Amino acid sequence: NKFFLSLKNNLKPKGSVVFNLNIYGGYLKDIKLIKENFPKVTIYKKNTSGNIIVVAEKESLNVSKEILMKRAESIDQKISANFKFKDLLNLEKDLNGLGKK
């Protein structure tokens, strides 16, 4: 818990942190700990991957999916990655009620 509190306190006011978690027996506990320390947590999971992406926001910014899609398209045009950020947005999951707050 001290780790997450320290991380949150070191973020800028509208900052966020992204975790790439390996799915293992205790990953839901990890998500629960993140949710206890951040006001908004969103989870993205590709069904064929053994990982989940957890985005934790210091403040709940309530950015619309449409705006996020436009930002993702812009990032996809600027950088070359082995995945598309736009595609990642379509992978949002609510894992056992722990994914969203």
Protein backbone atom coordinates (compact mmCIF):
# COMPACT_ATOMS: atom_id res chain seq x y z
CA ASN A 1 0.00 0.00 0.00
CA LYS A 2 2.90 2.39 0.70
CA PHE A 3 4.16 1.83 -2.83
CA PHE A 4 0.87 2.88 -4.43
CA LEU A 5 0.48 5.86 -2.11
CA SER A 6 4.01 7.02 -2.93
CA LEU A 7 3.36 6.53 -6.63
CA LYS A 8 0.10 8.48 -6.48
CA ASN A 9 1.70 11.32 -4.50
CA ASN A 10 4.46 11.68 -7.10
CA LEU A 11 2.07 12.04 -10.03
CA LYS A 12 1.08 15.41 -11.43
CA PRO A 13 -2.50 16.50 -10.56
CA LYS A 14 -4.01 14.99 -13.73
CA GLY A 15 -1.46 12.21 -13.93
CA SER A 16 -1.97 8.54 -14.52
CA VAL A 17 0.10 5.41 -14.23
CA VAL A 18 -0.03 2.32 -16.42
CA PHE A 19 0.68 -1.18 -15.11
CA ASN A 20 1.38 -4.18 -17.33
CA LEU A 21 0.34 -7.08 -15.08
CA ASN A 22 1.00 -10.73 -15.70
CA ILE A 23 -2.12 -12.79 -15.11
CA TYR A 24 -1.39 -15.17 -12.26
CA GLY A 25 -3.28 -16.46 -9.22
CA GLY A 26 -3.09 -13.17 -7.28
CA TYR A 27 -3.65 -10.60 -10.02
CA LEU A 28 -7.17 -9.71 -8.82
CA LYS A 29 -5.64 -8.80 -5.44
CA ASP A 30 -3.21 -6.50 -7.26
CA ILE A 31 -6.10 -4.81 -9.07
CA LYS A 32 -7.97 -4.41 -5.78
CA LEU A 33 -4.93 -2.72 -4.20
CA ILE A 34 -4.63 -0.35 -7.15
CA LYS A 35 -8.34 0.50 -6.89
CA GLU A 36 -7.98 1.25 -3.18
CA ASN A 37 -5.36 3.90 -3.99
CA PHE A 38 -6.64 5.54 -7.18
CA PRO A 39 -10.07 7.08 -7.87
CA LYS A 40 -10.39 5.62 -11.38
CA VAL A 41 -8.99 2.35 -12.66
CA THR A 42 -9.55 0.94 -16.14
CA ILE A 43 -8.44 -2.48 -17.35
CA TYR A 44 -7.60 -3.57 -20.88
CA LYS A 45 -7.11 -7.24 -21.75
CA LYS A 46 -6.49 -9.02 -25.01
CA ASN A 47 -7.99 -12.50 -24.78
CA THR A 48 -4.94 -14.16 -26.35
CA SER A 49 -2.44 -12.47 -24.05
CA GLY A 50 -1.25 -13.47 -20.61
CA ASN A 51 -1.13 -9.83 -19.52
CA ILE A 52 -3.54 -7.08 -18.63
CA ILE A 53 -3.00 -3.34 -18.87
CA VAL A 54 -4.24 -1.37 -15.86
CA VAL A 55 -4.56 2.41 -16.13
CA ALA A 56 -4.91 4.21 -12.78
CA GLU A 57 -5.74 7.92 -12.69
CA LYS A 58 -4.87 10.30 -9.85
CA GLU A 59 -8.10 12.19 -10.60
CA SER A 60 -11.11 10.81 -12.41
CA LEU A 61 -10.89 12.82 -15.62
CA ASN A 62 -14.01 11.40 -17.32
CA VAL A 63 -12.60 11.70 -20.84
CA SER A 64 -15.04 10.37 -23.44
CA LYS A 65 -14.21 7.26 -25.45
CA GLU A 66 -14.47 9.36 -28.63
CA ILE A 67 -11.72 11.72 -27.43
CA LEU A 68 -9.56 8.79 -26.33
CA MET A 69 -9.98 7.20 -29.78
CA LYS A 70 -8.84 10.42 -31.47
CA ARG A 71 -5.81 10.63 -29.18
CA ALA A 72 -5.00 6.97 -29.80
CA GLU A 73 -5.18 7.47 -33.58
CA SER A 74 -2.80 10.42 -33.26
CA ILE A 75 -0.33 8.35 -31.24
CA ASP A 76 -0.59 5.49 -33.74
CA GLN A 77 0.38 7.88 -36.54
CA LYS A 78 3.35 9.28 -34.61
CA ILE A 79 5.00 6.13 -33.29
CA SER A 80 5.66 2.64 -34.55
CA ALA A 81 4.69 -0.04 -32.06
CA ASN A 82 3.85 -3.71 -32.46
CA PHE A 83 0.22 -2.87 -31.59
CA LYS A 84 -2.24 -0.05 -32.20
CA PHE A 85 -3.36 2.12 -29.29
CA LYS A 86 -6.75 2.48 -30.98
CA ASP A 87 -7.18 -1.30 -30.89
CA LEU A 88 -6.22 -1.36 -27.22
CA LEU A 89 -9.15 0.91 -26.33
CA ASN A 90 -11.54 -1.73 -27.65
CA LEU A 91 -10.19 -4.26 -25.16
CA GLU A 92 -11.55 -2.59 -22.02
CA LYS A 93 -12.72 -5.19 -19.50
CA ASP A 94 -14.48 -5.31 -16.18
CA LEU A 95 -12.85 -8.30 -14.48
CA ASN A 96 -15.12 -9.65 -11.75
CA GLY A 97 -16.31 -6.14 -10.97
CA LEU A 98 -12.77 -5.01 -10.14
CA GLY A 99 -12.01 -3.19 -13.38
CA LYS A 100 -14.01 -0.01 -12.98
CA LYS A 101 -14.82 2.28 -10.13
